[in-house]
Amino acid sequence: MCTEQHHTVVLGATNKPERYANQAIRLLKEKGYSNITPVHPKLAESEGLPVTNKLTDVRQPVDTLTLYVGAARLTSMIDEITQLKPSRVIFNPGTESVPLQQALDETGVPWEEACTLVLLRTGQF
């Protein structure tokens, strides 16, 4: 799939450049990914992109959902994430959630514990 068409949702987007979620958005753009949906409950914009405030507002099919939200918060989002039906989910370091991973297994959504930044830098994204 070409990078322009690949739809990536960044859950836990931020405007803070030192945060990994922000770095991921910037690196996705640098690597040619233009179909990016940052998600954060209160932000309006991140790295020049409009922010979606809830996963349930994402209308386009999702190729990759990359997580930058702690496991405690993810537990309350399990239904939203499984209903989104992403083609894959990336659990970045610190976001690992056994309940969400089990729910993804049950719904047939592939997932991996990896670092989006490393995957992008090494051509494995």
PDB file of N, CA and C in Angstrom:
ATOM      1  N   MET A   1       0.856  -1.177   0.000  1.00  0.00           N
ATOM      2  CA  MET A   1       0.000   0.000   0.000  1.00  0.00           C
ATOM      3  C   MET A   1       0.898   1.235   0.000  1.00  0.00           C
ATOM      4  N   CYS A   2       0.541   2.207  -0.818  1.00  0.00           N
ATOM      5  CA  CYS A   2       1.371   3.406  -0.868  1.00  0.00           C
ATOM      6  C   CYS A   2       1.157   4.254   0.377  1.00  0.00           C
ATOM      7  N   THR A   3       2.194   4.987   0.748  1.00  0.00           N
ATOM      8  CA  THR A   3       2.167   5.721   2.007  1.00  0.00           C
ATOM      9  C   THR A   3       1.070   6.765   2.046  1.00  0.00           C
ATOM     10  N   GLU A   4       0.743   7.374   0.890  1.00  0.00           N
ATOM     11  CA  GLU A   4      -0.282   8.412   0.891  1.00  0.00           C
ATOM     12  C   GLU A   4      -1.659   7.858   1.243  1.00  0.00           C
ATOM     13  N   GLN A   5      -1.908   6.607   0.895  1.00  0.00           N
ATOM     14  CA  GLN A   5      -3.219   6.004   1.147  1.00  0.00           C
ATOM     15  C   GLN A   5      -3.321   5.334   2.513  1.00  0.00           C
ATOM     16  N   HIS A   6      -2.201   4.957   3.069  1.00  0.00           N
ATOM     17  CA  HIS A   6      -2.182   4.245   4.355  1.00  0.00           C
ATOM     18  C   HIS A   6      -2.717   5.175   5.449  1.00  0.00           C
ATOM     19  N   HIS A   7      -3.838   4.793   6.053  1.00  0.00           N
ATOM     20  CA  HIS A   7      -4.456   5.626   7.090  1.00  0.00           C
ATOM     21  C   HIS A   7      -3.945   5.201   8.458  1.00  0.00           C
ATOM     22  N   THR A   8      -3.239   6.113   9.109  1.00  0.00           N
ATOM     23  CA  THR A   8      -2.680   5.864  10.434  1.00  0.00           C
ATOM     24  C   THR A   8      -3.384   6.741  11.454  1.00  0.00           C
ATOM     25  N   VAL A   9      -3.861   6.125  12.520  1.00  0.00           N
ATOM     26  CA  VAL A   9      -4.464   6.856  13.628  1.00  0.00           C
ATOM     27  C   VAL A   9      -3.482   6.840  14.788  1.00  0.00           C
ATOM     28  N   VAL A  10      -3.172   8.032  15.305  1.00  0.00           N
ATOM     29  CA  VAL A  10      -2.255   8.176  16.433  1.00  0.00           C
ATOM     30  C   VAL A  10      -3.092   8.510  17.662  1.00  0.00           C
ATOM     31  N   LEU A  11      -3.313   7.507  18.508  1.00  0.00           N
ATOM     32  CA  LEU A  11      -4.112   7.692  19.713  1.00  0.00           C
ATOM     33  C   LEU A  11      -3.221   8.204  20.834  1.00  0.00           C
ATOM     34  N   GLY A  12      -3.532   9.399  21.316  1.00  0.00           N
ATOM     35  CA  GLY A  12      -2.719  10.029  22.348  1.00  0.00           C
ATOM     36  C   GLY A  12      -1.873  11.145  21.764  1.00  0.00           C
ATOM     37  N   ALA A  13      -2.350  11.727  20.668  1.00  0.00           N
ATOM     38  CA  ALA A  13      -1.626  12.823  20.011  1.00  0.00           C
ATOM     39  C   ALA A  13      -1.378  13.959  20.995  1.00  0.00           C
ATOM     40  N   THR A  14      -0.353  14.756  20.698  1.00  0.00           N
ATOM     41  CA  THR A  14       0.006  15.874  21.565  1.00  0.00           C
ATOM     42  C   THR A  14       0.674  16.967  20.741  1.00  0.00           C
ATOM     43  N   ASN A  15       0.727  18.153  21.310  1.00  0.00           N
ATOM     44  CA  ASN A  15       1.455  19.260  20.686  1.00  0.00           C
ATOM     45  C   ASN A  15       2.850  19.407  21.263  1.00  0.00           C
ATOM     46  N   LYS A  16       3.192  18.578  22.231  1.00  0.00           N
ATOM     47  CA  LYS A  16       4.500  18.677  22.887  1.00  0.00           C
ATOM     48  C   LYS A  16       5.542  17.940  22.043  1.00  0.00           C
ATOM     49  N   PRO A  17       6.479  18.685  21.422  1.00  0.00           N
ATOM     50  CA  PRO A  17       7.429  18.067  20.490  1.00  0.00           C
ATOM     51  C   PRO A  17       8.326  17.007  21.107  1.00  0.00           C
ATOM     52  N   GLU A  18       8.534  17.037  22.418  1.00  0.00           N
ATOM     53  CA  GLU A  18       9.400  16.044  23.047  1.00  0.00           C
ATOM     54  C   GLU A  18       8.690  14.710  23.273  1.00  0.00           C
ATOM     55  N   ARG A  19       7.377  14.678  23.129  1.00  0.00           N
ATOM     56  CA  ARG A  19       6.613  13.441  23.348  1.00  0.00           C
ATOM     57  C   ARG A  19       6.686  12.534  22.117  1.00  0.00           C
ATOM     58  N   TYR A  20       6.705  11.237  22.374  1.00  0.00           N
ATOM     59  CA  TYR A  20       6.846  10.279  21.285  1.00  0.00           C
ATOM     60  C   TYR A  20       5.670  10.319  20.305  1.00  0.00           C
ATOM     61  N   ALA A  21       4.470  10.566  20.784  1.00  0.00           N
ATOM     62  CA  ALA A  21       3.313  10.645  19.878  1.00  0.00           C
ATOM     63  C   ALA A  21       3.502  11.774  18.876  1.00  0.00           C
ATOM     64  N   ASN A  22       4.006  12.894  19.327  1.00  0.00           N
ATOM     65  CA  ASN A  22       4.256  14.027  18.443  1.00  0.00           C
ATOM     66  C   ASN A  22       5.382  13.686  17.470  1.00  0.00           C
ATOM     67  N   GLN A  23       6.426  13.061  17.966  1.00  0.00           N
ATOM     68  CA  GLN A  23       7.527  12.649  17.094  1.00  0.00           C
ATOM     69  C   GLN A  23       7.048  11.660  16.033  1.00  0.00           C
ATOM     70  N   ALA A  24       6.121  10.792  16.409  1.00  0.00           N
ATOM     71  CA  ALA A  24       5.580   9.818  15.450  1.00  0.00           C
ATOM     72  C   ALA A  24       4.823  10.531  14.334  1.00  0.00           C
ATOM     73  N   ILE A  25       4.024  11.515  14.672  1.00  0.00           N
ATOM     74  CA  ILE A  25       3.285  12.257  13.648  1.00  0.00           C
ATOM     75  C   ILE A  25       4.272  12.936  12.698  1.00  0.00           C
ATOM     76  N   ARG A  26       5.283  13.572  13.245  1.00  0.00           N
ATOM     77  CA  ARG A  26       6.269  14.265  12.411  1.00  0.00           C
ATOM     78  C   ARG A  26       7.011  13.284  11.506  1.00  0.00           C
ATOM     79  N   LEU A  27       7.408  12.120  12.063  1.00  0.00           N
ATOM     80  CA  LEU A  27       8.152  11.140  11.277  1.00  0.00           C
ATOM     81  C   LEU A  27       7.261  10.488  10.217  1.00  0.00           C
ATOM     82  N   LEU A  28       6.002  10.233  10.543  1.00  0.00           N
ATOM     83  CA  LEU A  28       5.071   9.720   9.534  1.00  0.00           C
ATOM     84  C   LEU A  28       5.014  10.682   8.350  1.00  0.00           C
ATOM     85  N   LYS A  29       4.859  11.968   8.638  1.00  0.00           N
ATOM     86  CA  LYS A  29       4.806  12.974   7.571  1.00  0.00           C
ATOM     87  C   LYS A  29       6.107  13.001   6.776  1.00  0.00           C
ATOM     88  N   GLU A  30       7.231  12.951   7.487  1.00  0.00           N
ATOM     89  CA  GLU A  30       8.549  12.975   6.834  1.00  0.00           C
ATOM     90  C   GLU A  30       8.738  11.780   5.903  1.00  0.00           C
ATOM     91  N   LYS A  31       8.181  10.630   6.296  1.00  0.00           N
ATOM     92  CA  LYS A  31       8.325   9.403   5.502  1.00  0.00           C
ATOM     93  C   LYS A  31       7.266   9.289   4.397  1.00  0.00           C
ATOM     94  N   GLY A  32       6.449  10.331   4.225  1.00  0.00           N
ATOM     95  CA  GLY A  32       5.492  10.341   3.125  1.00  0.00           C
ATOM     96  C   GLY A  32       4.085   9.911   3.464  1.00  0.00           C
ATOM     97  N   TYR A  33       3.814   9.641   4.719  1.00  0.00           N
ATOM     98  CA  TYR A  33       2.459   9.284   5.137  1.00  0.00           C
ATOM     99  C   TYR A  33       1.676  10.582   5.323  1.00  0.00           C
ATOM    100  N   SER A  34       0.634  10.754   4.547  1.00  0.00           N
ATOM    101  CA  SER A  34      -0.130  12.002   4.633  1.00  0.00           C
ATOM    102  C   SER A  34      -1.535  11.787   5.181  1.00  0.00           C
ATOM    103  N   ASN A  35      -1.966  10.545   5.263  1.00  0.00           N
ATOM    104  CA  ASN A  35      -3.312  10.234   5.747  1.00  0.00           C
ATOM    105  C   ASN A  35      -3.211   9.832   7.221  1.00  0.00           C
ATOM    106  N   ILE A  36      -3.067  10.859   8.069  1.00  0.00           N
ATOM    107  CA  ILE A  36      -2.835  10.660   9.503  1.00  0.00           C
ATOM    108  C   ILE A  36      -3.970  11.315  10.280  1.00  0.00           C
ATOM    109  N   THR A  37      -4.519  10.586  11.233  1.00  0.00           N
ATOM    110  CA  THR A  37      -5.551  11.138  12.108  1.00  0.00           C
ATOM    111  C   THR A  37      -5.044  11.121  13.545  1.00  0.00           C
ATOM    112  N   PRO A  38      -4.647  12.289  14.069  1.00  0.00           N
ATOM    113  CA  PRO A  38      -4.305  12.355  15.485  1.00  0.00           C
ATOM    114  C   PRO A  38      -5.590  12.330  16.311  1.00  0.00           C
ATOM    115  N   VAL A  39      -5.557  11.641  17.452  1.00  0.00           N
ATOM    116  CA  VAL A  39      -6.730  11.569  18.329  1.00  0.00           C
ATOM    117  C   VAL A  39      -6.327  12.018  19.732  1.00  0.00           C
ATOM    118  N   HIS A  40      -7.069  12.981  20.257  1.00  0.00           N
ATOM    119  CA  HIS A  40      -6.875  13.501  21.610  1.00  0.00           C
ATOM    120  C   HIS A  40      -8.198  14.144  22.029  1.00  0.00           C
ATOM    121  N   PRO A  41      -8.627  13.943  23.277  1.00  0.00           N
ATOM    122  CA  PRO A  41      -9.954  14.442  23.677  1.00  0.00           C
ATOM    123  C   PRO A  41     -10.107  15.963  23.700  1.00  0.00           C
ATOM    124  N   LYS A  42      -9.008  16.722  23.763  1.00  0.00           N
ATOM    125  CA  LYS A  42      -9.148  18.165  23.921  1.00  0.00           C
ATOM    126  C   LYS A  42      -8.441  19.013  22.872  1.00  0.00           C
ATOM    127  N   LEU A  43      -7.489  18.452  22.159  1.00  0.00           N
ATOM    128  CA  LEU A  43      -6.733  19.237  21.179  1.00  0.00           C
ATOM    129  C   LEU A  43      -7.542  19.480  19.909  1.00  0.00           C
ATOM    130  N   ALA A  44      -7.246  20.587  19.236  1.00  0.00           N
ATOM    131  CA  ALA A  44      -7.870  20.893  17.946  1.00  0.00           C
ATOM    132  C   ALA A  44      -6.915  20.597  16.794  1.00  0.00           C
ATOM    133  N   GLU A  45      -5.603  20.661  17.080  1.00  0.00           N
ATOM    134  CA  GLU A  45      -4.605  20.526  16.028  1.00  0.00           C
ATOM    135  C   GLU A  45      -3.323  19.944  16.615  1.00  0.00           C
ATOM    136  N   SER A  46      -2.630  19.146  15.806  1.00  0.00           N
ATOM    137  CA  SER A  46      -1.323  18.612  16.187  1.00  0.00           C
ATOM    138  C   SER A  46      -0.469  18.532  14.935  1.00  0.00           C
ATOM    139  N   GLU A  47       0.673  19.201  14.942  1.00  0.00           N
ATOM    140  CA  GLU A  47       1.598  19.206  13.807  1.00  0.00           C
ATOM    141  C   GLU A  47       0.896  19.589  12.502  1.00  0.00           C
ATOM    142  N   GLY A  48       0.009  20.570  12.592  1.00  0.00           N
ATOM    143  CA  GLY A  48      -0.686  21.066  11.407  1.00  0.00           C
ATOM    144  C   GLY A  48      -1.853  20.214  10.946  1.00  0.00           C
ATOM    145  N   LEU A  49      -2.147  19.161  11.668  1.00  0.00           N
ATOM    146  CA  LEU A  49      -3.252  18.269  11.299  1.00  0.00           C
ATOM    147  C   LEU A  49      -4.432  18.485  12.245  1.00  0.00           C
ATOM    148  N   PRO A  50      -5.656  18.426  11.724  1.00  0.00           N
ATOM    149  CA  PRO A  50      -6.812  18.509  12.616  1.00  0.00           C
ATOM    150  C   PRO A  50      -6.880  17.263  13.496  1.00  0.00           C
ATOM    151  N   VAL A  51      -7.233  17.469  14.753  1.00  0.00           N
ATOM    152  CA  VAL A  51      -7.314  16.360  15.707  1.00  0.00           C
ATOM    153  C   VAL A  51      -8.759  15.904  15.850  1.00  0.00           C
ATOM    154  N   THR A  52      -8.940  14.597  15.831  1.00  0.00           N
ATOM    155  CA  THR A  52     -10.244  13.991  16.110  1.00  0.00           C
ATOM    156  C   THR A  52     -10.287  13.759  17.612  1.00  0.00           C
ATOM    157  N   ASN A  53     -11.394  14.131  18.244  1.00  0.00           N
ATOM    158  CA  ASN A  53     -11.447  14.076  19.704  1.00  0.00           C
ATOM    159  C   ASN A  53     -11.838  12.717  20.272  1.00  0.00           C
ATOM    160  N   LYS A  54     -12.439  11.848  19.465  1.00  0.00           N
ATOM    161  CA  LYS A  54     -12.831  10.515  19.942  1.00  0.00           C
ATOM    162  C   LYS A  54     -12.607   9.494  18.835  1.00  0.00           C
ATOM    163  N   LEU A  55     -12.212   8.290  19.207  1.00  0.00           N
ATOM    164  CA  LEU A  55     -12.053   7.228  18.212  1.00  0.00           C
ATOM    165  C   LEU A  55     -13.349   6.960  17.464  1.00  0.00           C
ATOM    166  N   THR A  56     -14.468   7.120  18.149  1.00  0.00           N
ATOM    167  CA  THR A  56     -15.759   6.850  17.503  1.00  0.00           C
ATOM    168  C   THR A  56     -16.057   7.848  16.392  1.00  0.00           C
ATOM    169  N   ASP A  57     -15.306   8.951  16.323  1.00  0.00           N
ATOM    170  CA  ASP A  57     -15.489   9.929  15.254  1.00  0.00           C
ATOM    171  C   ASP A  57     -14.621   9.645  14.031  1.00  0.00           C
ATOM    172  N   VAL A  58     -13.770   8.630  14.097  1.00  0.00           N
ATOM    173  CA  VAL A  58     -12.947   8.246  12.949  1.00  0.00           C
ATOM    174  C   VAL A  58     -13.851   7.496  11.975  1.00  0.00           C
ATOM    175  N   ARG A  59     -14.010   8.041  10.778  1.00  0.00           N
ATOM    176  CA  ARG A  59     -14.950   7.460   9.806  1.00  0.00           C
ATOM    177  C   ARG A  59     -14.268   6.636   8.721  1.00  0.00           C
ATOM    178  N   GLN A  60     -13.024   6.877   8.473  1.00  0.00           N
ATOM    179  CA  GLN A  60     -12.290   6.211   7.411  1.00  0.00           C
ATOM    180  C   GLN A  60     -11.693   4.900   7.919  1.00  0.00           C
ATOM    181  N   PRO A  61     -11.642   3.859   7.092  1.00  0.00           N
ATOM    182  CA  PRO A  61     -10.995   2.614   7.527  1.00  0.00           C
ATOM    183  C   PRO A  61      -9.559   2.888   7.989  1.00  0.00           C
ATOM    184  N   VAL A  62      -9.137   2.166   9.034  1.00  0.00           N
ATOM    185  CA  VAL A  62      -7.834   2.400   9.654  1.00  0.00           C
ATOM    186  C   VAL A  62      -6.890   1.247   9.316  1.00  0.00           C
ATOM    187  N   ASP A  63      -5.756   1.600   8.717  1.00  0.00           N
ATOM    188  CA  ASP A  63      -4.734   0.600   8.428  1.00  0.00           C
ATOM    189  C   ASP A  63      -3.898   0.317   9.671  1.00  0.00           C
ATOM    190  N   THR A  64      -3.466   1.381  10.354  1.00  0.00           N
ATOM    191  CA  THR A  64      -2.645   1.226  11.556  1.00  0.00           C
ATOM    192  C   THR A  64      -3.165   2.139  12.654  1.00  0.00           C
ATOM    193  N   LEU A  65      -3.387   1.569  13.824  1.00  0.00           N
ATOM    194  CA  LEU A  65      -3.682   2.334  15.029  1.00  0.00           C
ATOM    195  C   LEU A  65      -2.449   2.216  15.904  1.00  0.00           C
ATOM    196  N   THR A  66      -1.787   3.340  16.146  1.00  0.00           N
ATOM    197  CA  THR A  66      -0.599   3.319  16.994  1.00  0.00           C
ATOM    198  C   THR A  66      -0.933   3.995  18.317  1.00  0.00           C
ATOM    199  N   LEU A  67      -0.605   3.312  19.401  1.00  0.00           N
ATOM    200  CA  LEU A  67      -1.061   3.720  20.729  1.00  0.00           C
ATOM    201  C   LEU A  67       0.003   4.470  21.517  1.00  0.00           C
ATOM    202  N   TYR A  68      -0.408   5.620  22.047  1.00  0.00           N
ATOM    203  CA  TYR A  68       0.430   6.433  22.931  1.00  0.00           C
ATOM    204  C   TYR A  68      -0.383   6.828  24.159  1.00  0.00           C
ATOM    205  N   VAL A  69      -1.151   5.878  24.674  1.00  0.00           N
ATOM    206  CA  VAL A  69      -1.996   6.079  25.848  1.00  0.00           C
ATOM    207  C   VAL A  69      -1.687   4.941  26.805  1.00  0.00           C
ATOM    208  N   GLY A  70      -1.541   5.247  28.078  1.00  0.00           N
ATOM    209  CA  GLY A  70      -1.215   4.228  29.066  1.00  0.00           C
ATOM    210  C   GLY A  70      -2.264   3.132  29.164  1.00  0.00           C
ATOM    211  N   ALA A  71      -1.827   1.964  29.604  1.00  0.00           N
ATOM    212  CA  ALA A  71      -2.691   0.788  29.697  1.00  0.00           C
ATOM    213  C   ALA A  71      -3.939   1.050  30.537  1.00  0.00           C
ATOM    214  N   ALA A  72      -3.818   1.820  31.615  1.00  0.00           N
ATOM    215  CA  ALA A  72      -4.977   2.098  32.473  1.00  0.00           C
ATOM    216  C   ALA A  72      -6.087   2.799  31.693  1.00  0.00           C
ATOM    217  N   ARG A  73      -5.720   3.725  30.847  1.00  0.00           N
ATOM    218  CA  ARG A  73      -6.733   4.425  30.034  1.00  0.00           C
ATOM    219  C   ARG A  73      -7.269   3.561  28.906  1.00  0.00           C
ATOM    220  N   LEU A  74      -6.430   2.684  28.391  1.00  0.00           N
ATOM    221  CA  LEU A  74      -6.857   1.839  27.274  1.00  0.00           C
ATOM    222  C   LEU A  74      -7.976   0.883  27.664  1.00  0.00           C
ATOM    223  N   THR A  75      -8.004   0.439  28.906  1.00  0.00           N
ATOM    224  CA  THR A  75      -9.021  -0.510  29.339  1.00  0.00           C
ATOM    225  C   THR A  75     -10.429   0.024  29.073  1.00  0.00           C
ATOM    226  N   SER A  76     -10.642   1.312  29.328  1.00  0.00           N
ATOM    227  CA  SER A  76     -11.978   1.876  29.098  1.00  0.00           C
ATOM    228  C   SER A  76     -12.258   2.124  27.615  1.00  0.00           C
ATOM    229  N   MET A  77     -11.251   1.937  26.762  1.00  0.00           N
ATOM    230  CA  MET A  77     -11.406   2.189  25.326  1.00  0.00           C
ATOM    231  C   MET A  77     -11.458   0.905  24.497  1.00  0.00           C
ATOM    232  N   ILE A  78     -11.486  -0.241  25.149  1.00  0.00           N
ATOM    233  CA  ILE A  78     -11.428  -1.518  24.431  1.00  0.00           C
ATOM    234  C   ILE A  78     -12.537  -1.621  23.386  1.00  0.00           C
ATOM    235  N   ASP A  79     -13.771  -1.313  23.760  1.00  0.00           N
ATOM    236  CA  ASP A  79     -14.876  -1.433  22.797  1.00  0.00           C
ATOM    237  C   ASP A  79     -14.682  -0.488  21.614  1.00  0.00           C
ATOM    238  N   GLU A  80     -14.280   0.745  21.885  1.00  0.00           N
ATOM    239  CA  GLU A  80     -14.058   1.710  20.804  1.00  0.00           C
ATOM    240  C   GLU A  80     -12.977   1.219  19.844  1.00  0.00           C
ATOM    241  N   ILE A  81     -11.911   0.667  20.394  1.00  0.00           N
ATOM    242  CA  ILE A  81     -10.799   0.200  19.557  1.00  0.00           C
ATOM    243  C   ILE A  81     -11.212  -1.007  18.731  1.00  0.00           C
ATOM    244  N   THR A  82     -11.893  -1.976  19.339  1.00  0.00           N
ATOM    245  CA  THR A  82     -12.292  -3.163  18.569  1.00  0.00           C
ATOM    246  C   THR A  82     -13.344  -2.812  17.522  1.00  0.00           C
ATOM    247  N   GLN A  83     -14.231  -1.861  17.819  1.00  0.00           N
ATOM    248  CA  GLN A  83     -15.242  -1.445  16.842  1.00  0.00           C
ATOM    249  C   GLN A  83     -14.627  -0.670  15.681  1.00  0.00           C
ATOM    250  N   LEU A  84     -13.477  -0.042  15.911  1.00  0.00           N
ATOM    251  CA  LEU A  84     -12.770   0.678  14.859  1.00  0.00           C
ATOM    252  C   LEU A  84     -12.269  -0.293  13.786  1.00  0.00           C
ATOM    253  N   LYS A  85     -11.995  -1.528  14.177  1.00  0.00           N
ATOM    254  CA  LYS A  85     -11.519  -2.598  13.292  1.00  0.00           C
ATOM    255  C   LYS A  85     -10.282  -2.196  12.492  1.00  0.00           C
ATOM    256  N   PRO A  86      -9.232  -1.729  13.176  1.00  0.00           N
ATOM    257  CA  PRO A  86      -8.010  -1.387  12.446  1.00  0.00           C
ATOM    258  C   PRO A  86      -7.385  -2.645  11.851  1.00  0.00           C
ATOM    259  N   SER A  87      -6.609  -2.479  10.798  1.00  0.00           N
ATOM    260  CA  SER A  87      -5.917  -3.625  10.201  1.00  0.00           C
ATOM    261  C   SER A  87      -4.810  -4.139  11.100  1.00  0.00           C
ATOM    262  N   ARG A  88      -4.264  -3.233  11.944  1.00  0.00           N
ATOM    263  CA  ARG A  88      -3.288  -3.649  12.951  1.00  0.00           C
ATOM    264  C   ARG A  88      -3.205  -2.573  14.030  1.00  0.00           C
ATOM    265  N   VAL A  89      -2.711  -3.002  15.198  1.00  0.00           N
ATOM    266  CA  VAL A  89      -2.520  -2.095  16.330  1.00  0.00           C
ATOM    267  C   VAL A  89      -1.079  -2.221  16.786  1.00  0.00           C
ATOM    268  N   ILE A  90      -0.435  -1.078  17.007  1.00  0.00           N
ATOM    269  CA  ILE A  90       0.923  -1.064  17.542  1.00  0.00           C
ATOM    270  C   ILE A  90       0.876  -0.573  18.986  1.00  0.00           C
ATOM    271  N   PHE A  91       1.348  -1.423  19.888  1.00  0.00           N
ATOM    272  CA  PHE A  91       1.492  -1.055  21.302  1.00  0.00           C
ATOM    273  C   PHE A  91       2.907  -0.517  21.481  1.00  0.00           C
ATOM    274  N   ASN A  92       3.037   0.799  21.526  1.00  0.00           N
ATOM    275  CA  ASN A  92       4.338   1.402  21.759  1.00  0.00           C
ATOM    276  C   ASN A  92       4.753   1.135  23.205  1.00  0.00           C
ATOM    277  N   PRO A  93       6.051   1.215  23.509  1.00  0.00           N
ATOM    278  CA  PRO A  93       6.501   0.939  24.880  1.00  0.00           C
ATOM    279  C   PRO A  93       5.710   1.745  25.913  1.00  0.00           C
ATOM    280  N   GLY A  94       5.233   1.033  26.931  1.00  0.00           N
ATOM    281  CA  GLY A  94       4.457   1.657  27.992  1.00  0.00           C
ATOM    282  C   GLY A  94       2.960   1.608  27.783  1.00  0.00           C
ATOM    283  N   THR A  95       2.528   1.097  26.636  1.00  0.00           N
ATOM    284  CA  THR A  95       1.080   1.037  26.366  1.00  0.00           C
ATOM    285  C   THR A  95       0.542  -0.390  26.409  1.00  0.00           C
ATOM    286  N   GLU A  96       1.380  -1.349  26.710  1.00  0.00           N
ATOM    287  CA  GLU A  96       0.971  -2.750  26.696  1.00  0.00           C
ATOM    288  C   GLU A  96      -0.234  -2.963  27.607  1.00  0.00           C
ATOM    289  N   SER A  97      -1.244  -3.644  27.080  1.00  0.00           N
ATOM    290  CA  SER A  97      -2.490  -3.886  27.813  1.00  0.00           C
ATOM    291  C   SER A  97      -2.992  -5.287  27.502  1.00  0.00           C
ATOM    292  N   VAL A  98      -2.858  -6.184  28.457  1.00  0.00           N
ATOM    293  CA  VAL A  98      -3.306  -7.562  28.254  1.00  0.00           C
ATOM    294  C   VAL A  98      -4.806  -7.619  27.930  1.00  0.00           C
ATOM    295  N   PRO A  99      -5.681  -6.882  28.651  1.00  0.00           N
ATOM    296  CA  PRO A  99      -7.106  -6.945  28.301  1.00  0.00           C
ATOM    297  C   PRO A  99      -7.389  -6.494  26.860  1.00  0.00           C
ATOM    298  N   LEU A 100      -6.717  -5.444  26.412  1.00  0.00           N
ATOM    299  CA  LEU A 100      -6.925  -4.993  25.030  1.00  0.00           C
ATOM    300  C   LEU A 100      -6.341  -6.001  24.048  1.00  0.00           C
ATOM    301  N   GLN A 101      -5.177  -6.532  24.340  1.00  0.00           N
ATOM    302  CA  GLN A 101      -4.576  -7.528  23.456  1.00  0.00           C
ATOM    303  C   GLN A 101      -5.470  -8.758  23.330  1.00  0.00           C
ATOM    304  N   GLN A 102      -6.072  -9.184  24.445  1.00  0.00           N
ATOM    305  CA  GLN A 102      -6.990 -10.329  24.401  1.00  0.00           C
ATOM    306  C   GLN A 102      -8.221 -10.002  23.564  1.00  0.00           C
ATOM    307  N   ALA A 103      -8.756  -8.792  23.718  1.00  0.00           N
ATOM    308  CA  ALA A 103      -9.932  -8.380  22.944  1.00  0.00           C
ATOM    309  C   ALA A 103      -9.597  -8.324  21.455  1.00  0.00           C
ATOM    310  N   LEU A 104      -8.404  -7.852  21.123  1.00  0.00           N
ATOM    311  CA  LEU A 104      -7.989  -7.815  19.716  1.00  0.00           C
ATOM    312  C   LEU A 104      -7.838  -9.229  19.175  1.00  0.00           C
ATOM    313  N   ASP A 105      -7.274 -10.134  19.970  1.00  0.00           N
ATOM    314  CA  ASP A 105      -7.164 -11.532  19.551  1.00  0.00           C
ATOM    315  C   ASP A 105      -8.547 -12.116  19.268  1.00  0.00           C
ATOM    316  N   GLU A 106      -9.490 -11.829  20.144  1.00  0.00           N
ATOM    317  CA  GLU A 106     -10.850 -12.364  19.992  1.00  0.00           C
ATOM    318  C   GLU A 106     -11.554 -11.817  18.757  1.00  0.00           C
ATOM    319  N   THR A 107     -11.212 -10.607  18.351  1.00  0.00           N
ATOM    320  CA  THR A 107     -11.857 -10.004  17.176  1.00  0.00           C
ATOM    321  C   THR A 107     -11.017 -10.151  15.915  1.00  0.00           C
ATOM    322  N   GLY A 108      -9.865 -10.817  16.029  1.00  0.00           N
ATOM    323  CA  GLY A 108      -9.041 -11.090  14.860  1.00  0.00           C
ATOM    324  C   GLY A 108      -8.215  -9.909  14.363  1.00  0.00           C
ATOM    325  N   VAL A 109      -7.979  -8.936  15.227  1.00  0.00           N
ATOM    326  CA  VAL A 109      -7.171  -7.780  14.831  1.00  0.00           C
ATOM    327  C   VAL A 109      -5.717  -8.041  15.217  1.00  0.00           C
ATOM    328  N   PRO A 110      -4.816  -8.051  14.243  1.00  0.00           N
ATOM    329  CA  PRO A 110      -3.400  -8.261  14.553  1.00  0.00           C
ATOM    330  C   PRO A 110      -2.830  -7.094  15.358  1.00  0.00           C
ATOM    331  N   TRP A 111      -1.914  -7.411  16.255  1.00  0.00           N
ATOM    332  CA  TRP A 111      -1.260  -6.382  17.056  1.00  0.00           C
ATOM    333  C   TRP A 111       0.177  -6.777  17.295  1.00  0.00           C
ATOM    334  N   GLU A 112       0.984  -5.771  17.628  1.00  0.00           N
ATOM    335  CA  GLU A 112       2.372  -6.034  17.966  1.00  0.00           C
ATOM    336  C   GLU A 112       2.853  -5.037  19.002  1.00  0.00           C
ATOM    337  N   GLU A 113       3.765  -5.492  19.838  1.00  0.00           N
ATOM    338  CA  GLU A 113       4.434  -4.602  20.779  1.00  0.00           C
ATOM    339  C   GLU A 113       5.697  -4.143  20.068  1.00  0.00           C
ATOM    340  N   ALA A 114       5.730  -2.878  19.708  1.00  0.00           N
ATOM    341  CA  ALA A 114       6.849  -2.339  18.931  1.00  0.00           C
ATOM    342  C   ALA A 114       6.895  -0.838  19.130  1.00  0.00           C
ATOM    343  N   CYS A 115       7.875  -0.213  18.536  1.00  0.00           N
ATOM    344  CA  CYS A 115       7.996   1.238  18.587  1.00  0.00           C
ATOM    345  C   CYS A 115       7.772   1.780  17.181  1.00  0.00           C
ATOM    346  N   THR A 116       6.745   2.577  17.030  1.00  0.00           N
ATOM    347  CA  THR A 116       6.425   3.147  15.724  1.00  0.00           C
ATOM    348  C   THR A 116       7.615   3.905  15.151  1.00  0.00           C
ATOM    349  N   LEU A 117       8.323   4.646  15.991  1.00  0.00           N
ATOM    350  CA  LEU A 117       9.484   5.414  15.516  1.00  0.00           C
ATOM    351  C   LEU A 117      10.555   4.489  14.938  1.00  0.00           C
ATOM    352  N   VAL A 118      10.823   3.397  15.623  1.00  0.00           N
ATOM    353  CA  VAL A 118      11.822   2.433  15.128  1.00  0.00           C
ATOM    354  C   VAL A 118      11.338   1.773  13.843  1.00  0.00           C
ATOM    355  N   LEU A 119      10.071   1.377  13.821  1.00  0.00           N
ATOM    356  CA  LEU A 119       9.522   0.752  12.608  1.00  0.00           C
ATOM    357  C   LEU A 119       9.644   1.677  11.407  1.00  0.00           C
ATOM    358  N   LEU A 120       9.337   2.963  11.597  1.00  0.00           N
ATOM    359  CA  LEU A 120       9.433   3.927  10.511  1.00  0.00           C
ATOM    360  C   LEU A 120      10.888   4.130  10.076  1.00  0.00           C
ATOM    361  N   ARG A 121      11.778   4.250  11.043  1.00  0.00           N
ATOM    362  CA  ARG A 121      13.198   4.513  10.716  1.00  0.00           C
ATOM    363  C   ARG A 121      13.891   3.345  10.051  1.00  0.00           C
ATOM    364  N   THR A 122      13.376   2.134  10.280  1.00  0.00           N
ATOM    365  CA  THR A 122      14.011   0.937   9.718  1.00  0.00           C
ATOM    366  C   THR A 122      13.239   0.366   8.531  1.00  0.00           C
ATOM    367  N   GLY A 123      12.228   1.084   8.048  1.00  0.00           N
ATOM    368  CA  GLY A 123      11.468   0.634   6.884  1.00  0.00           C
ATOM    369  C   GLY A 123      10.564  -0.545   7.142  1.00  0.00           C
ATOM    370  N   GLN A 124      10.205  -0.784   8.400  1.00  0.00           N
ATOM    371  CA  GLN A 124       9.351  -1.926   8.742  1.00  0.00           C
ATOM    372  C   GLN A 124       7.908  -1.535   9.056  1.00  0.00           C
ATOM    373  N   PHE A 125       7.579  -0.268   8.908  1.00  0.00           N
ATOM    374  CA  PHE A 125       6.253   0.198   9.270  1.00  0.00           C
ATOM    375  C   PHE A 125       5.218  -0.356   8.312  1.00  0.00           C
TER     376      PHE A 125
END
